[in-house]
């Protein structure tokens, strides 16, 4: 049963990721991968919310945690695309943009986790 729950969440996470990708591609002519950054930061924020739910010991069924964390968030966020985009920036001589991409994903990701967690724990 847990396989189906994770797969169901993953299905919708990957669709949401693809929709954000399509929107970013149609709106942006930037060389910086803002779409991937947005996806990863949003996923970190959702992970922070889930951490807060677990810490508050709210009565949440294990399947809902699996659906949200391993399923939806796991397929929505993307480390491999982040890595490939950073590699291409650096390889094309845009080292500063590549390093900015690494820094932005790490710093904004950690801040988003913290904010999501604090937002729910302080409510």
PDB file of N, CA and C in Angstrom:
ATOM      1  N   UNK A   1       0.822  -1.205   0.000  1.00  0.00           N
ATOM      2  CA  UNK A   1       0.000   0.000   0.000  1.00  0.00           C
ATOM      3  C   UNK A   1       0.863   1.266   0.000  1.00  0.00           C
ATOM      4  N   UNK A   2       1.978   1.241   0.754  1.00  0.00           N
ATOM      5  CA  UNK A   2       2.826   2.423   0.830  1.00  0.00           C
ATOM      6  C   UNK A   2       3.437   2.763  -0.530  1.00  0.00           C
ATOM      7  N   UNK A   3       3.738   1.759  -1.337  1.00  0.00           N
ATOM      8  CA  UNK A   3       4.260   2.010  -2.679  1.00  0.00           C
ATOM      9  C   UNK A   3       3.278   2.826  -3.504  1.00  0.00           C
ATOM     10  N   UNK A   4       2.008   2.489  -3.377  1.00  0.00           N
ATOM     11  CA  UNK A   4       0.972   3.219  -4.122  1.00  0.00           C
ATOM     12  C   UNK A   4       0.836   4.652  -3.626  1.00  0.00           C
ATOM     13  N   UNK A   5       0.932   4.844  -2.332  1.00  0.00           N
ATOM     14  CA  UNK A   5       0.823   6.186  -1.747  1.00  0.00           C
ATOM     15  C   UNK A   5       1.970   7.064  -2.235  1.00  0.00           C
ATOM     16  N   UNK A   6       3.192   6.538  -2.184  1.00  0.00           N
ATOM     17  CA  UNK A   6       4.354   7.293  -2.651  1.00  0.00           C
ATOM     18  C   UNK A   6       4.236   7.558  -4.149  1.00  0.00           C
ATOM     19  N   UNK A   7       3.819   6.562  -4.909  1.00  0.00           N
ATOM     20  CA  UNK A   7       3.647   6.725  -6.354  1.00  0.00           C
ATOM     21  C   UNK A   7       2.590   7.757  -6.705  1.00  0.00           C
ATOM     22  N   UNK A   8       1.503   7.781  -5.955  1.00  0.00           N
ATOM     23  CA  UNK A   8       0.440   8.759  -6.180  1.00  0.00           C
ATOM     24  C   UNK A   8       0.960  10.178  -5.944  1.00  0.00           C
ATOM     25  N   UNK A   9       1.665  10.367  -4.835  1.00  0.00           N
ATOM     26  CA  UNK A   9       2.256  11.676  -4.551  1.00  0.00           C
ATOM     27  C   UNK A   9       3.288  12.051  -5.602  1.00  0.00           C
ATOM     28  N   UNK A  10       4.088  11.079  -6.015  1.00  0.00           N
ATOM     29  CA  UNK A  10       5.102  11.321  -7.036  1.00  0.00           C
ATOM     30  C   UNK A  10       4.509  11.710  -8.369  1.00  0.00           C
ATOM     31  N   UNK A  11       3.388  11.117  -8.713  1.00  0.00           N
ATOM     32  CA  UNK A  11       2.706  11.460  -9.955  1.00  0.00           C
ATOM     33  C   UNK A  11       2.338  12.938  -9.975  1.00  0.00           C
ATOM     34  N   UNK A  12       1.728  13.409  -8.902  1.00  0.00           N
ATOM     35  CA  UNK A  12       1.308  14.810  -8.866  1.00  0.00           C
ATOM     36  C   UNK A  12       2.487  15.769  -8.671  1.00  0.00           C
ATOM     37  N   UNK A  13       3.506  15.332  -7.952  1.00  0.00           N
ATOM     38  CA  UNK A  13       4.703  16.156  -7.797  1.00  0.00           C
ATOM     39  C   UNK A  13       5.411  16.361  -9.128  1.00  0.00           C
ATOM     40  N   UNK A  14       5.520  15.302  -9.917  1.00  0.00           N
ATOM     41  CA  UNK A  14       6.198  15.435 -11.212  1.00  0.00           C
ATOM     42  C   UNK A  14       5.375  16.271 -12.185  1.00  0.00           C
ATOM     43  N   UNK A  15       4.066  16.155 -12.145  1.00  0.00           N
ATOM     44  CA  UNK A  15       3.223  17.010 -12.989  1.00  0.00           C
ATOM     45  C   UNK A  15       3.353  18.480 -12.585  1.00  0.00           C
ATOM     46  N   UNK A  16       3.361  18.751 -11.298  1.00  0.00           N
ATOM     47  CA  UNK A  16       3.505  20.129 -10.825  1.00  0.00           C
ATOM     48  C   UNK A  16       4.856  20.690 -11.241  1.00  0.00           C
ATOM     49  N   UNK A  17       5.886  19.869 -11.145  1.00  0.00           N
ATOM     50  CA  UNK A  17       7.228  20.302 -11.553  1.00  0.00           C
ATOM     51  C   UNK A  17       7.273  20.623 -13.039  1.00  0.00           C
ATOM     52  N   UNK A  18       6.646  19.799 -13.827  1.00  0.00           N
ATOM     53  CA  UNK A  18       6.634  20.024 -15.276  1.00  0.00           C
ATOM     54  C   UNK A  18       5.863  21.298 -15.623  1.00  0.00           C
ATOM     55  N   UNK A  19       4.777  21.564 -14.926  1.00  0.00           N
ATOM     56  CA  UNK A  19       4.010  22.791 -15.165  1.00  0.00           C
ATOM     57  C   UNK A  19       4.827  24.033 -14.820  1.00  0.00           C
ATOM     58  N   UNK A  20       5.557  23.988 -13.722  1.00  0.00           N
ATOM     59  CA  UNK A  20       6.424  25.121 -13.360  1.00  0.00           C
ATOM     60  C   UNK A  20       7.508  25.287 -14.418  1.00  0.00           C
ATOM     61  N   UNK A  21       8.069  24.186 -14.879  1.00  0.00           N
ATOM     62  CA  UNK A  21       9.091  24.229 -15.929  1.00  0.00           C
ATOM     63  C   UNK A  21       8.534  24.879 -17.201  1.00  0.00           C
ATOM     64  N   UNK A  22       7.337  24.483 -17.613  1.00  0.00           N
ATOM     65  CA  UNK A  22       6.734  25.061 -18.820  1.00  0.00           C
ATOM     66  C   UNK A  22       6.493  26.560 -18.665  1.00  0.00           C
ATOM     67  N   UNK A  23       6.005  26.961 -17.504  1.00  0.00           N
ATOM     68  CA  UNK A  23       5.766  28.386 -17.246  1.00  0.00           C
ATOM     69  C   UNK A  23       7.075  29.160 -17.281  1.00  0.00           C
ATOM     70  N   UNK A  24       8.100  28.615 -16.643  1.00  0.00           N
ATOM     71  CA  UNK A  24       9.393  29.294 -16.597  1.00  0.00           C
ATOM     72  C   UNK A  24       9.986  29.407 -17.999  1.00  0.00           C
ATOM     73  N   UNK A  25       9.852  28.385 -18.805  1.00  0.00           N
ATOM     74  CA  UNK A  25      10.398  28.404 -20.158  1.00  0.00           C
ATOM     75  C   UNK A  25       9.671  29.416 -21.043  1.00  0.00           C
ATOM     76  N   UNK A  26       8.373  29.567 -20.829  1.00  0.00           N
ATOM     77  CA  UNK A  26       7.608  30.494 -21.663  1.00  0.00           C
ATOM     78  C   UNK A  26       7.777  31.950 -21.220  1.00  0.00           C
ATOM     79  N   UNK A  27       8.128  32.174 -19.961  1.00  0.00           N
ATOM     80  CA  UNK A  27       8.237  33.537 -19.443  1.00  0.00           C
ATOM     81  C   UNK A  27       9.659  34.074 -19.398  1.00  0.00           C
ATOM     82  N   UNK A  28      10.642  33.184 -19.394  1.00  0.00           N
ATOM     83  CA  UNK A  28      11.998  33.607 -19.099  1.00  0.00           C
ATOM     84  C   UNK A  28      12.933  33.454 -20.284  1.00  0.00           C
ATOM     85  N   UNK A  29      13.797  34.432 -20.432  1.00  0.00           N
ATOM     86  CA  UNK A  29      14.880  34.330 -21.400  1.00  0.00           C
ATOM     87  C   UNK A  29      16.220  34.414 -20.669  1.00  0.00           C
ATOM     88  N   UNK A  30      16.158  34.286 -19.338  1.00  0.00           N
ATOM     89  CA  UNK A  30      17.360  34.369 -18.513  1.00  0.00           C
ATOM     90  C   UNK A  30      18.227  33.128 -18.673  1.00  0.00           C
ATOM     91  N   UNK A  31      19.491  33.314 -18.444  1.00  0.00           N
ATOM     92  CA  UNK A  31      20.416  32.189 -18.444  1.00  0.00           C
ATOM     93  C   UNK A  31      20.439  31.512 -17.085  1.00  0.00           C
ATOM     94  N   UNK A  32      19.983  32.195 -16.068  1.00  0.00           N
ATOM     95  CA  UNK A  32      19.975  31.638 -14.718  1.00  0.00           C
ATOM     96  C   UNK A  32      18.764  30.719 -14.568  1.00  0.00           C
ATOM     97  N   UNK A  33      18.942  29.539 -13.995  1.00  0.00           N
ATOM     98  CA  UNK A  33      17.832  28.572 -13.869  1.00  0.00           C
ATOM     99  C   UNK A  33      16.871  28.901 -12.726  1.00  0.00           C
ATOM    100  N   UNK A  34      16.092  29.954 -12.910  1.00  0.00           N
ATOM    101  CA  UNK A  34      15.160  30.374 -11.869  1.00  0.00           C
ATOM    102  C   UNK A  34      14.070  29.343 -11.600  1.00  0.00           C
ATOM    103  N   UNK A  35      13.631  28.634 -12.643  1.00  0.00           N
ATOM    104  CA  UNK A  35      12.580  27.635 -12.459  1.00  0.00           C
ATOM    105  C   UNK A  35      12.986  26.544 -11.492  1.00  0.00           C
ATOM    106  N   UNK A  36      14.176  26.018 -11.658  1.00  0.00           N
ATOM    107  CA  UNK A  36      14.671  24.971 -10.755  1.00  0.00           C
ATOM    108  C   UNK A  36      14.852  25.518  -9.349  1.00  0.00           C
ATOM    109  N   UNK A  37      15.349  26.737  -9.245  1.00  0.00           N
ATOM    110  CA  UNK A  37      15.508  27.364  -7.928  1.00  0.00           C
ATOM    111  C   UNK A  37      14.150  27.504  -7.244  1.00  0.00           C
ATOM    112  N   UNK A  38      13.157  27.989  -7.962  1.00  0.00           N
ATOM    113  CA  UNK A  38      11.810  28.139  -7.408  1.00  0.00           C
ATOM    114  C   UNK A  38      11.251  26.795  -6.948  1.00  0.00           C
ATOM    115  N   UNK A  39      11.429  25.776  -7.767  1.00  0.00           N
ATOM    116  CA  UNK A  39      10.928  24.445  -7.427  1.00  0.00           C
ATOM    117  C   UNK A  39      11.608  23.932  -6.159  1.00  0.00           C
ATOM    118  N   UNK A  40      12.923  24.050  -6.101  1.00  0.00           N
ATOM    119  CA  UNK A  40      13.649  23.529  -4.945  1.00  0.00           C
ATOM    120  C   UNK A  40      13.326  24.297  -3.660  1.00  0.00           C
ATOM    121  N   UNK A  41      13.184  25.606  -3.755  1.00  0.00           N
ATOM    122  CA  UNK A  41      12.845  26.403  -2.567  1.00  0.00           C
ATOM    123  C   UNK A  41      11.414  26.090  -2.107  1.00  0.00           C
ATOM    124  N   UNK A  42      10.486  25.977  -3.044  1.00  0.00           N
ATOM    125  CA  UNK A  42       9.105  25.627  -2.685  1.00  0.00           C
ATOM    126  C   UNK A  42       9.048  24.243  -2.042  1.00  0.00           C
ATOM    127  N   UNK A  43       9.811  23.301  -2.576  1.00  0.00           N
ATOM    128  CA  UNK A  43       9.861  21.964  -1.990  1.00  0.00           C
ATOM    129  C   UNK A  43      10.442  21.977  -0.592  1.00  0.00           C
ATOM    130  N   UNK A  44      11.472  22.784  -0.378  1.00  0.00           N
ATOM    131  CA  UNK A  44      12.063  22.919   0.962  1.00  0.00           C
ATOM    132  C   UNK A  44      11.067  23.528   1.940  1.00  0.00           C
ATOM    133  N   UNK A  45      10.307  24.507   1.485  1.00  0.00           N
ATOM    134  CA  UNK A  45       9.276  25.119   2.330  1.00  0.00           C
ATOM    135  C   UNK A  45       8.248  24.059   2.748  1.00  0.00           C
ATOM    136  N   UNK A  46       7.802  23.262   1.784  1.00  0.00           N
ATOM    137  CA  UNK A  46       6.840  22.193   2.098  1.00  0.00           C
ATOM    138  C   UNK A  46       7.442  21.172   3.060  1.00  0.00           C
ATOM    139  N   UNK A  47       8.732  20.874   2.890  1.00  0.00           N
ATOM    140  CA  UNK A  47       9.408  19.952   3.807  1.00  0.00           C
ATOM    141  C   UNK A  47       9.445  20.539   5.215  1.00  0.00           C
ATOM    142  N   UNK A  48       9.675  21.837   5.318  1.00  0.00           N
ATOM    143  CA  UNK A  48       9.645  22.494   6.623  1.00  0.00           C
ATOM    144  C   UNK A  48       8.286  22.400   7.284  1.00  0.00           C
ATOM    145  N   UNK A  49       7.238  22.566   6.488  1.00  0.00           N
ATOM    146  CA  UNK A  49       5.883  22.411   7.028  1.00  0.00           C
ATOM    147  C   UNK A  49       5.668  20.989   7.536  1.00  0.00           C
ATOM    148  N   UNK A  50       6.113  20.003   6.769  1.00  0.00           N
ATOM    149  CA  UNK A  50       5.957  18.615   7.207  1.00  0.00           C
ATOM    150  C   UNK A  50       6.749  18.322   8.473  1.00  0.00           C
ATOM    151  N   UNK A  51       7.953  18.887   8.563  1.00  0.00           N
ATOM    152  CA  UNK A  51       8.740  18.718   9.793  1.00  0.00           C
ATOM    153  C   UNK A  51       7.995  19.277  10.997  1.00  0.00           C
ATOM    154  N   UNK A  52       7.368  20.423  10.814  1.00  0.00           N
ATOM    155  CA  UNK A  52       6.619  21.038  11.914  1.00  0.00           C
ATOM    156  C   UNK A  52       5.424  20.181  12.309  1.00  0.00           C
ATOM    157  N   UNK A  53       4.752  19.601  11.331  1.00  0.00           N
ATOM    158  CA  UNK A  53       3.613  18.721  11.623  1.00  0.00           C
ATOM    159  C   UNK A  53       4.074  17.542  12.468  1.00  0.00           C
ATOM    160  N   UNK A  54       5.200  16.958  12.090  1.00  0.00           N
ATOM    161  CA  UNK A  54       5.735  15.817  12.841  1.00  0.00           C
ATOM    162  C   UNK A  54       6.159  16.255  14.241  1.00  0.00           C
ATOM    163  N   UNK A  55       6.819  17.408  14.353  1.00  0.00           N
ATOM    164  CA  UNK A  55       7.273  17.884  15.663  1.00  0.00           C
ATOM    165  C   UNK A  55       6.121  18.266  16.585  1.00  0.00           C
ATOM    166  N   UNK A  56       5.040  18.756  15.998  1.00  0.00           N
ATOM    167  CA  UNK A  56       3.875  19.108  16.818  1.00  0.00           C
ATOM    168  C   UNK A  56       3.121  17.866  17.262  1.00  0.00           C
ATOM    169  N   UNK A  57       3.520  16.734  16.714  1.00  0.00           N
ATOM    170  CA  UNK A  57       2.855  15.458  17.009  1.00  0.00           C
ATOM    171  C   UNK A  57       1.373  15.525  16.698  1.00  0.00           C
ATOM    172  N   UNK A  58       1.075  16.214  15.623  1.00  0.00           N
ATOM    173  CA  UNK A  58      -0.315  16.255  15.193  1.00  0.00           C
ATOM    174  C   UNK A  58      -0.711  14.860  14.712  1.00  0.00           C
ATOM    175  N   UNK A  59      -1.938  14.497  14.888  1.00  0.00           N
ATOM    176  CA  UNK A  59      -2.353  13.161  14.457  1.00  0.00           C
ATOM    177  C   UNK A  59      -2.432  13.065  12.921  1.00  0.00           C
ATOM    178  N   UNK A  60      -1.271  12.795  12.332  1.00  0.00           N
ATOM    179  CA  UNK A  60      -1.202  12.659  10.881  1.00  0.00           C
ATOM    180  C   UNK A  60      -0.816  11.221  10.567  1.00  0.00           C
ATOM    181  N   UNK A  61      -1.582  10.612   9.716  1.00  0.00           N
ATOM    182  CA  UNK A  61      -1.315   9.222   9.346  1.00  0.00           C
ATOM    183  C   UNK A  61       0.002   9.112   8.585  1.00  0.00           C
ATOM    184  N   UNK A  62       0.712   8.037   8.809  1.00  0.00           N
ATOM    185  CA  UNK A  62       2.003   7.787   8.149  1.00  0.00           C
ATOM    186  C   UNK A  62       1.889   7.897   6.634  1.00  0.00           C
ATOM    187  N   UNK A  63       0.785   7.475   6.081  1.00  0.00           N
ATOM    188  CA  UNK A  63       0.607   7.530   4.632  1.00  0.00           C
ATOM    189  C   UNK A  63       0.584   8.973   4.120  1.00  0.00           C
ATOM    190  N   UNK A  64       0.075   9.895   4.908  1.00  0.00           N
ATOM    191  CA  UNK A  64       0.072  11.298   4.482  1.00  0.00           C
ATOM    192  C   UNK A  64       1.485  11.875   4.461  1.00  0.00           C
ATOM    193  N   UNK A  65       2.309  11.471   5.417  1.00  0.00           N
ATOM    194  CA  UNK A  65       3.706  11.906   5.433  1.00  0.00           C
ATOM    195  C   UNK A  65       4.432  11.337   4.206  1.00  0.00           C
ATOM    196  N   UNK A  66       4.221  10.071   3.920  1.00  0.00           N
ATOM    197  CA  UNK A  66       4.844   9.451   2.741  1.00  0.00           C
ATOM    198  C   UNK A  66       4.354  10.101   1.451  1.00  0.00           C
ATOM    199  N   UNK A  67       3.073  10.378   1.379  1.00  0.00           N
ATOM    200  CA  UNK A  67       2.491  11.025   0.204  1.00  0.00           C
ATOM    201  C   UNK A  67       3.140  12.383  -0.027  1.00  0.00           C
ATOM    202  N   UNK A  68       3.304  13.143   1.047  1.00  0.00           N
ATOM    203  CA  UNK A  68       3.855  14.487   0.923  1.00  0.00           C
ATOM    204  C   UNK A  68       5.353  14.520   0.762  1.00  0.00           C
ATOM    205  N   UNK A  69       6.081  13.761   1.587  1.00  0.00           N
ATOM    206  CA  UNK A  69       7.540  13.880   1.578  1.00  0.00           C
ATOM    207  C   UNK A  69       8.184  13.072   0.462  1.00  0.00           C
ATOM    208  N   UNK A  70       8.087  11.792   0.519  1.00  0.00           N
ATOM    209  CA  UNK A  70       8.743  10.956  -0.495  1.00  0.00           C
ATOM    210  C   UNK A  70       8.017  11.032  -1.837  1.00  0.00           C
ATOM    211  N   UNK A  71       6.712  11.183  -1.799  1.00  0.00           N
ATOM    212  CA  UNK A  71       5.957  11.227  -3.039  1.00  0.00           C
ATOM    213  C   UNK A  71       6.012  12.579  -3.724  1.00  0.00           C
ATOM    214  N   UNK A  72       5.217  13.520  -3.236  1.00  0.00           N
ATOM    215  CA  UNK A  72       5.087  14.808  -3.907  1.00  0.00           C
ATOM    216  C   UNK A  72       6.387  15.607  -3.892  1.00  0.00           C
ATOM    217  N   UNK A  73       6.939  15.873  -2.707  1.00  0.00           N
ATOM    218  CA  UNK A  73       8.145  16.701  -2.612  1.00  0.00           C
ATOM    219  C   UNK A  73       9.327  16.020  -3.291  1.00  0.00           C
ATOM    220  N   UNK A  74       9.433  14.711  -3.121  1.00  0.00           N
ATOM    221  CA  UNK A  74      10.543  13.979  -3.725  1.00  0.00           C
ATOM    222  C   UNK A  74      10.573  14.060  -5.235  1.00  0.00           C
ATOM    223  N   UNK A  75       9.417  14.069  -5.860  1.00  0.00           N
ATOM    224  CA  UNK A  75       9.396  14.154  -7.323  1.00  0.00           C
ATOM    225  C   UNK A  75       9.275  15.588  -7.818  1.00  0.00           C
ATOM    226  N   UNK A  76       8.842  16.494  -6.967  1.00  0.00           N
ATOM    227  CA  UNK A  76       8.716  17.900  -7.353  1.00  0.00           C
ATOM    228  C   UNK A  76      10.078  18.579  -7.390  1.00  0.00           C
ATOM    229  N   UNK A  77      10.886  18.352  -6.360  1.00  0.00           N
ATOM    230  CA  UNK A  77      12.207  18.971  -6.310  1.00  0.00           C
ATOM    231  C   UNK A  77      13.191  18.156  -7.136  1.00  0.00           C
ATOM    232  N   UNK A  78      14.321  18.770  -7.446  1.00  0.00           N
ATOM    233  CA  UNK A  78      15.254  18.071  -8.316  1.00  0.00           C
ATOM    234  C   UNK A  78      16.697  18.453  -8.052  1.00  0.00           C
ATOM    235  N   UNK A  79      17.445  17.507  -7.559  1.00  0.00           N
ATOM    236  CA  UNK A  79      18.870  17.744  -7.357  1.00  0.00           C
ATOM    237  C   UNK A  79      19.634  17.536  -8.653  1.00  0.00           C
ATOM    238  N   UNK A  80      19.205  16.582  -9.449  1.00  0.00           N
ATOM    239  CA  UNK A  80      19.935  16.292 -10.687  1.00  0.00           C
ATOM    240  C   UNK A  80      19.850  17.448 -11.678  1.00  0.00           C
ATOM    241  N   UNK A  81      18.684  18.051 -11.836  1.00  0.00           N
ATOM    242  CA  UNK A  81      18.561  19.193 -12.747  1.00  0.00           C
ATOM    243  C   UNK A  81      19.387  20.360 -12.238  1.00  0.00           C
ATOM    244  N   UNK A  82      19.364  20.586 -10.938  1.00  0.00           N
ATOM    245  CA  UNK A  82      20.196  21.616 -10.318  1.00  0.00           C
ATOM    246  C   UNK A  82      21.669  21.372 -10.653  1.00  0.00           C
ATOM    247  N   UNK A  83      22.107  20.130 -10.525  1.00  0.00           N
ATOM    248  CA  UNK A  83      23.497  19.794 -10.821  1.00  0.00           C
ATOM    249  C   UNK A  83      23.858  19.999 -12.282  1.00  0.00           C
ATOM    250  N   UNK A  84      22.982  19.555 -13.172  1.00  0.00           N
ATOM    251  CA  UNK A  84      23.239  19.700 -14.616  1.00  0.00           C
ATOM    252  C   UNK A  84      23.269  21.170 -15.016  1.00  0.00           C
ATOM    253  N   UNK A  85      22.319  21.946 -14.529  1.00  0.00           N
ATOM    254  CA  UNK A  85      22.279  23.367 -14.875  1.00  0.00           C
ATOM    255  C   UNK A  85      23.511  24.099 -14.344  1.00  0.00           C
ATOM    256  N   UNK A  86      23.929  23.768 -13.134  1.00  0.00           N
ATOM    257  CA  UNK A  86      25.127  24.385 -12.572  1.00  0.00           C
ATOM    258  C   UNK A  86      26.358  23.985 -13.380  1.00  0.00           C
ATOM    259  N   UNK A  87      26.449  22.722 -13.750  1.00  0.00           N
ATOM    260  CA  UNK A  87      27.561  22.230 -14.560  1.00  0.00           C
ATOM    261  C   UNK A  87      27.636  22.977 -15.892  1.00  0.00           C
ATOM    262  N   UNK A  88      26.479  23.156 -16.545  1.00  0.00           N
ATOM    263  CA  UNK A  88      26.455  23.861 -17.835  1.00  0.00           C
ATOM    264  C   UNK A  88      26.857  25.329 -17.687  1.00  0.00           C
ATOM    265  N   UNK A  89      26.427  25.971 -16.622  1.00  0.00           N
ATOM    266  CA  UNK A  89      26.822  27.361 -16.399  1.00  0.00           C
ATOM    267  C   UNK A  89      28.331  27.477 -16.243  1.00  0.00           C
ATOM    268  N   UNK A  90      28.900  26.636 -15.421  1.00  0.00           N
ATOM    269  CA  UNK A  90      30.346  26.689 -15.179  1.00  0.00           C
ATOM    270  C   UNK A  90      31.121  26.313 -16.435  1.00  0.00           C
ATOM    271  N   UNK A  91      30.670  25.269 -17.125  1.00  0.00           N
ATOM    272  CA  UNK A  91      31.358  24.822 -18.337  1.00  0.00           C
ATOM    273  C   UNK A  91      31.322  25.865 -19.449  1.00  0.00           C
ATOM    274  N   UNK A  92      30.258  26.655 -19.484  1.00  0.00           N
ATOM    275  CA  UNK A  92      30.142  27.683 -20.521  1.00  0.00           C
ATOM    276  C   UNK A  92      30.866  28.973 -20.129  1.00  0.00           C
ATOM    277  N   UNK A  93      31.609  28.931 -19.039  1.00  0.00           N
ATOM    278  CA  UNK A  93      32.388  30.089 -18.629  1.00  0.00           C
ATOM    279  C   UNK A  93      31.660  31.039 -17.708  1.00  0.00           C
ATOM    280  N   UNK A  94      30.455  30.707 -17.307  1.00  0.00           N
ATOM    281  CA  UNK A  94      29.668  31.556 -16.420  1.00  0.00           C
ATOM    282  C   UNK A  94      29.808  31.049 -14.981  1.00  0.00           C
ATOM    283  N   UNK A  95      31.035  31.066 -14.517  1.00  0.00           N
ATOM    284  CA  UNK A  95      31.364  30.519 -13.202  1.00  0.00           C
ATOM    285  C   UNK A  95      30.615  31.264 -12.101  1.00  0.00           C
ATOM    286  N   UNK A  96      30.550  32.573 -12.198  1.00  0.00           N
ATOM    287  CA  UNK A  96      29.852  33.361 -11.167  1.00  0.00           C
ATOM    288  C   UNK A  96      28.380  32.971 -11.091  1.00  0.00           C
ATOM    289  N   UNK A  97      27.723  32.783 -12.238  1.00  0.00           N
ATOM    290  CA  UNK A  97      26.321  32.351 -12.220  1.00  0.00           C
ATOM    291  C   UNK A  97      26.188  30.944 -11.660  1.00  0.00           C
ATOM    292  N   UNK A  98      27.119  30.082 -11.981  1.00  0.00           N
ATOM    293  CA  UNK A  98      27.095  28.728 -11.441  1.00  0.00           C
ATOM    294  C   UNK A  98      27.219  28.713  -9.930  1.00  0.00           C
ATOM    295  N   UNK A  99      28.157  29.486  -9.426  1.00  0.00           N
ATOM    296  CA  UNK A  99      28.327  29.574  -7.979  1.00  0.00           C
ATOM    297  C   UNK A  99      27.130  30.257  -7.314  1.00  0.00           C
ATOM    298  N   UNK A 100      26.570  31.255  -7.994  1.00  0.00           N
ATOM    299  CA  UNK A 100      25.358  31.913  -7.470  1.00  0.00           C
ATOM    300  C   UNK A 100      24.202  30.919  -7.397  1.00  0.00           C
ATOM    301  N   UNK A 101      24.115  30.036  -8.383  1.00  0.00           N
ATOM    302  CA  UNK A 101      23.067  29.017  -8.389  1.00  0.00           C
ATOM    303  C   UNK A 101      23.235  28.067  -7.205  1.00  0.00           C
ATOM    304  N   UNK A 102      24.459  27.633  -6.948  1.00  0.00           N
ATOM    305  CA  UNK A 102      24.721  26.756  -5.803  1.00  0.00           C
ATOM    306  C   UNK A 102      24.356  27.474  -4.510  1.00  0.00           C
ATOM    307  N   UNK A 103      24.840  28.690  -4.346  1.00  0.00           N
ATOM    308  CA  UNK A 103      24.565  29.448  -3.133  1.00  0.00           C
ATOM    309  C   UNK A 103      23.088  29.717  -2.933  1.00  0.00           C
ATOM    310  N   UNK A 104      22.412  30.108  -4.003  1.00  0.00           N
ATOM    311  CA  UNK A 104      20.984  30.422  -3.891  1.00  0.00           C
ATOM    312  C   UNK A 104      20.175  29.187  -3.513  1.00  0.00           C
ATOM    313  N   UNK A 105      20.463  28.045  -4.142  1.00  0.00           N
ATOM    314  CA  UNK A 105      19.724  26.827  -3.813  1.00  0.00           C
ATOM    315  C   UNK A 105      19.960  26.405  -2.372  1.00  0.00           C
ATOM    316  N   UNK A 106      21.201  26.492  -1.908  1.00  0.00           N
ATOM    317  CA  UNK A 106      21.497  26.082  -0.534  1.00  0.00           C
ATOM    318  C   UNK A 106      20.915  27.049   0.494  1.00  0.00           C
ATOM    319  N   UNK A 107      21.227  28.317   0.334  1.00  0.00           N
ATOM    320  CA  UNK A 107      20.793  29.306   1.334  1.00  0.00           C
ATOM    321  C   UNK A 107      19.276  29.453   1.339  1.00  0.00           C
ATOM    322  N   UNK A 108      18.687  29.658   0.171  1.00  0.00           N
ATOM    323  CA  UNK A 108      17.230  29.829   0.115  1.00  0.00           C
ATOM    324  C   UNK A 108      16.505  28.546   0.502  1.00  0.00           C
ATOM    325  N   UNK A 109      17.078  27.396   0.164  1.00  0.00           N
ATOM    326  CA  UNK A 109      16.473  26.120   0.551  1.00  0.00           C
ATOM    327  C   UNK A 109      16.429  25.950   2.059  1.00  0.00           C
ATOM    328  N   UNK A 110      17.563  26.203   2.728  1.00  0.00           N
ATOM    329  CA  UNK A 110      17.588  26.093   4.186  1.00  0.00           C
ATOM    330  C   UNK A 110      16.662  27.114   4.837  1.00  0.00           C
ATOM    331  N   UNK A 111      16.645  28.332   4.302  1.00  0.00           N
ATOM    332  CA  UNK A 111      15.744  29.359   4.858  1.00  0.00           C
ATOM    333  C   UNK A 111      14.280  28.965   4.659  1.00  0.00           C
ATOM    334  N   UNK A 112      13.965  28.365   3.530  1.00  0.00           N
ATOM    335  CA  UNK A 112      12.585  27.948   3.269  1.00  0.00           C
ATOM    336  C   UNK A 112      12.161  26.835   4.222  1.00  0.00           C
ATOM    337  N   UNK A 113      13.046  25.894   4.497  1.00  0.00           N
ATOM    338  CA  UNK A 113      12.738  24.840   5.475  1.00  0.00           C
ATOM    339  C   UNK A 113      12.477  25.473   6.837  1.00  0.00           C
ATOM    340  N   UNK A 114      13.376  26.349   7.246  1.00  0.00           N
ATOM    341  CA  UNK A 114      13.223  27.016   8.538  1.00  0.00           C
ATOM    342  C   UNK A 114      11.919  27.806   8.600  1.00  0.00           C
ATOM    343  N   UNK A 115      11.625  28.575   7.546  1.00  0.00           N
ATOM    344  CA  UNK A 115      10.419  29.393   7.543  1.00  0.00           C
ATOM    345  C   UNK A 115       9.162  28.537   7.587  1.00  0.00           C
ATOM    346  N   UNK A 116       9.130  27.473   6.798  1.00  0.00           N
ATOM    347  CA  UNK A 116       7.965  26.592   6.815  1.00  0.00           C
ATOM    348  C   UNK A 116       7.746  25.967   8.176  1.00  0.00           C
ATOM    349  N   UNK A 117       8.827  25.560   8.810  1.00  0.00           N
ATOM    350  CA  UNK A 117       8.749  24.950  10.128  1.00  0.00           C
ATOM    351  C   UNK A 117       8.290  25.968  11.180  1.00  0.00           C
ATOM    352  N   UNK A 118       8.905  27.132  11.178  1.00  0.00           N
ATOM    353  CA  UNK A 118       8.562  28.175  12.152  1.00  0.00           C
ATOM    354  C   UNK A 118       7.136  28.666  11.947  1.00  0.00           C
ATOM    355  N   UNK A 119       6.734  28.798  10.710  1.00  0.00           N
ATOM    356  CA  UNK A 119       5.384  29.278  10.405  1.00  0.00           C
ATOM    357  C   UNK A 119       4.325  28.392  11.020  1.00  0.00           C
ATOM    358  N   UNK A 120       4.505  27.095  10.900  1.00  0.00           N
ATOM    359  CA  UNK A 120       3.513  26.174  11.439  1.00  0.00           C
ATOM    360  C   UNK A 120       3.661  25.973  12.940  1.00  0.00           C
ATOM    361  N   UNK A 121       4.882  25.943  13.431  1.00  0.00           N
ATOM    362  CA  UNK A 121       5.056  25.730  14.878  1.00  0.00           C
ATOM    363  C   UNK A 121       4.586  26.926  15.689  1.00  0.00           C
ATOM    364  N   UNK A 122       4.636  28.126  15.131  1.00  0.00           N
ATOM    365  CA  UNK A 122       4.221  29.319  15.861  1.00  0.00           C
ATOM    366  C   UNK A 122       2.763  29.710  15.609  1.00  0.00           C
ATOM    367  N   UNK A 123       2.043  28.844  14.938  1.00  0.00           N
ATOM    368  CA  UNK A 123       0.634  29.181  14.675  1.00  0.00           C
ATOM    369  C   UNK A 123      -0.281  28.534  15.683  1.00  0.00           C
TER     370      UNK A 123
END
